[in-house]
Amino acid sequence: MFLKLLRLLPGRVWLIGALVAAVAGGWLWHQTETARLELAVTEAQFEADSLHRGRDAWRARANRYRDDLVTAIAEQAHAERAVRELQDSLAEIDERYRVLRQRIARAPAEDDGPVAPVLRDTLEALP
């Protein structure tokens, strides 16, 4: 029966039917490929957003470390200045003590009073 039906329809109808089937198949293939590619683009955008968030987190951490380093360098410079000032101050104090020790050492023993030997020993023992 199907063969009889095929003979009843002219060739143009079959040609048009084949064209419609080809166009419909092409349209379905196009829709499938478009959906697949849109899904791939969406996944790529999600991954890119995730990578951007990770990059931003690393950048923020690097900026914090840089700020901490700048602070540490400034604190170190301040501490070095304080040490130099302290060393200068100690050098001045040492110079004053040296002058006093020399003066005490040059003083004649006759100038000493009854407690002078103990005082002299104590003063000479000072740093």
Protein backbone atom coordinates (compact mmCIF):
# COMPACT_ATOMS: atom_id res chain seq x y z
CA MET A 1 0.00 0.00 0.00
CA PHE A 2 2.81 2.38 0.81
CA LEU A 3 4.28 1.94 -2.65
CA LYS A 4 0.97 2.86 -4.21
CA LEU A 5 0.92 6.02 -2.14
CA LEU A 6 4.43 6.87 -3.31
CA ARG A 7 3.35 6.62 -6.96
CA LEU A 8 0.40 8.91 -6.44
CA LEU A 9 2.48 11.90 -5.35
CA PRO A 10 4.43 13.75 -8.05
CA GLY A 11 8.23 14.12 -7.89
CA ARG A 12 8.07 17.81 -7.01
CA VAL A 13 6.18 17.06 -3.82
CA TRP A 14 8.87 14.59 -2.84
CA LEU A 15 11.55 17.15 -3.66
CA ILE A 16 9.81 19.82 -1.60
CA GLY A 17 9.32 17.32 1.23
CA ALA A 18 13.01 16.43 1.11
CA LEU A 19 13.94 20.13 1.18
CA VAL A 20 11.61 20.78 4.13
CA ALA A 21 13.10 17.78 5.96
CA ALA A 22 16.64 19.04 5.22
CA VAL A 23 15.80 22.56 6.41
CA ALA A 24 14.10 21.21 9.55
CA GLY A 25 17.07 18.95 10.25
CA GLY A 26 19.48 21.85 9.71
CA TRP A 27 17.42 24.06 12.01
CA LEU A 28 17.40 21.37 14.73
CA TRP A 29 21.15 20.85 14.35
CA HIS A 30 21.68 24.64 14.55
CA GLN A 31 19.55 24.88 17.71
CA THR A 32 21.45 22.01 19.32
CA GLU A 33 24.85 23.49 18.47
CA THR A 34 23.76 26.96 19.59
CA ALA A 35 22.54 25.59 22.93
CA ARG A 36 25.78 23.64 23.40
CA LEU A 37 27.91 26.68 22.59
CA GLU A 38 25.84 28.95 24.84
CA LEU A 39 26.32 26.47 27.67
CA ALA A 40 30.07 26.45 27.00
CA VAL A 41 30.13 30.27 27.02
CA THR A 42 28.19 30.36 30.30
CA GLU A 43 30.58 27.86 31.88
CA ALA A 44 33.57 29.85 30.60
CA GLN A 45 32.11 33.06 32.02
CA PHE A 46 31.51 31.37 35.38
CA GLU A 47 35.08 30.07 35.41
CA ALA A 48 36.41 33.50 34.39
CA ASP A 49 34.42 35.13 37.20
CA SER A 50 35.79 32.58 39.63
CA LEU A 51 39.33 33.25 38.43
CA HIS A 52 38.76 37.01 38.71
CA ARG A 53 37.57 36.60 42.30
CA GLY A 54 40.63 34.50 43.08
CA ARG A 55 42.91 37.04 41.43
CA ASP A 56 41.29 39.87 43.37
CA ALA A 57 41.74 37.97 46.63
CA TRP A 58 45.42 37.35 45.85
CA ARG A 59 45.86 40.99 44.84
CA ALA A 60 44.27 42.16 48.10
CA ARG A 61 46.53 39.83 50.07
CA ALA A 62 49.58 41.07 48.15
CA ASN A 63 48.57 44.68 48.84
CA ARG A 64 48.22 43.90 52.55
CA TYR A 65 51.66 42.26 52.57
CA ARG A 66 53.11 45.25 50.72
CA ASP A 67 51.55 47.64 53.23
CA ASP A 68 52.86 45.53 56.11
CA LEU A 69 56.31 45.54 54.52
CA VAL A 70 56.26 49.33 54.09
CA THR A 71 55.21 49.67 57.74
CA ALA A 72 57.94 47.27 58.86
CA ILE A 73 60.58 49.15 56.85
CA ALA A 74 59.45 52.45 58.37
CA GLU A 75 59.52 50.94 61.87
CA GLN A 76 62.97 49.50 61.22
CA ALA A 77 64.26 52.89 60.05
CA HIS A 78 62.75 54.53 63.14
CA ALA A 79 64.33 51.89 65.39
CA GLU A 80 67.73 52.35 63.71
CA ARG A 81 67.50 56.12 64.23
CA ALA A 82 66.57 55.54 67.88
CA VAL A 83 69.55 53.19 68.31
CA ARG A 84 71.92 55.75 66.74
CA GLU A 85 70.52 58.49 69.00
CA LEU A 86 70.91 56.23 72.03
CA GLN A 87 74.48 55.35 71.05
CA ASP A 88 75.28 59.06 70.61
CA SER A 89 73.72 59.80 73.99
CA LEU A 90 75.71 56.98 75.60
CA ALA A 91 78.89 58.26 73.96
CA GLU A 92 78.24 61.73 75.42
CA ILE A 93 77.57 60.25 78.87
CA ASP A 94 80.72 58.11 78.59
CA GLU A 95 82.72 61.19 77.66
CA ARG A 96 81.40 63.05 80.72
CA TYR A 97 82.15 60.08 82.98
CA ARG A 98 85.62 59.73 81.50
CA VAL A 99 86.35 63.36 82.26
CA LEU A 100 85.07 62.89 85.83
CA ARG A 101 87.09 59.69 86.31
CA GLN A 102 90.23 61.43 85.07
CA ARG A 103 89.60 64.37 87.42
CA ILE A 104 89.09 62.02 90.34
CA ALA A 105 92.19 60.03 89.42
CA ARG A 106 94.30 63.22 89.18
CA ALA A 107 93.10 64.57 92.52
CA PRO A 108 95.74 64.22 95.22
CA ALA A 109 95.03 61.85 98.07
CA GLU A 110 95.54 64.68 100.56
CA ASP A 111 92.28 66.26 99.36
CA ASP A 112 90.35 63.20 100.54
CA GLY A 113 88.30 63.50 103.69
CA PRO A 114 87.36 60.69 106.10
CA VAL A 115 84.84 59.09 103.68
CA ALA A 116 86.71 59.99 100.53
CA PRO A 117 88.43 56.62 99.98
CA VAL A 118 85.07 54.82 99.85
CA LEU A 119 83.57 57.55 97.70
CA ARG A 120 86.63 57.54 95.42
CA ASP A 121 86.44 53.76 94.99
CA THR A 122 82.72 53.97 94.24
CA LEU A 123 83.13 56.75 91.70
CA GLU A 124 86.02 54.96 90.00
CA ALA A 125 83.92 51.79 89.78
CA LEU A 126 81.18 53.58 87.84
CA PRO A 127 80.92 52.54 84.20
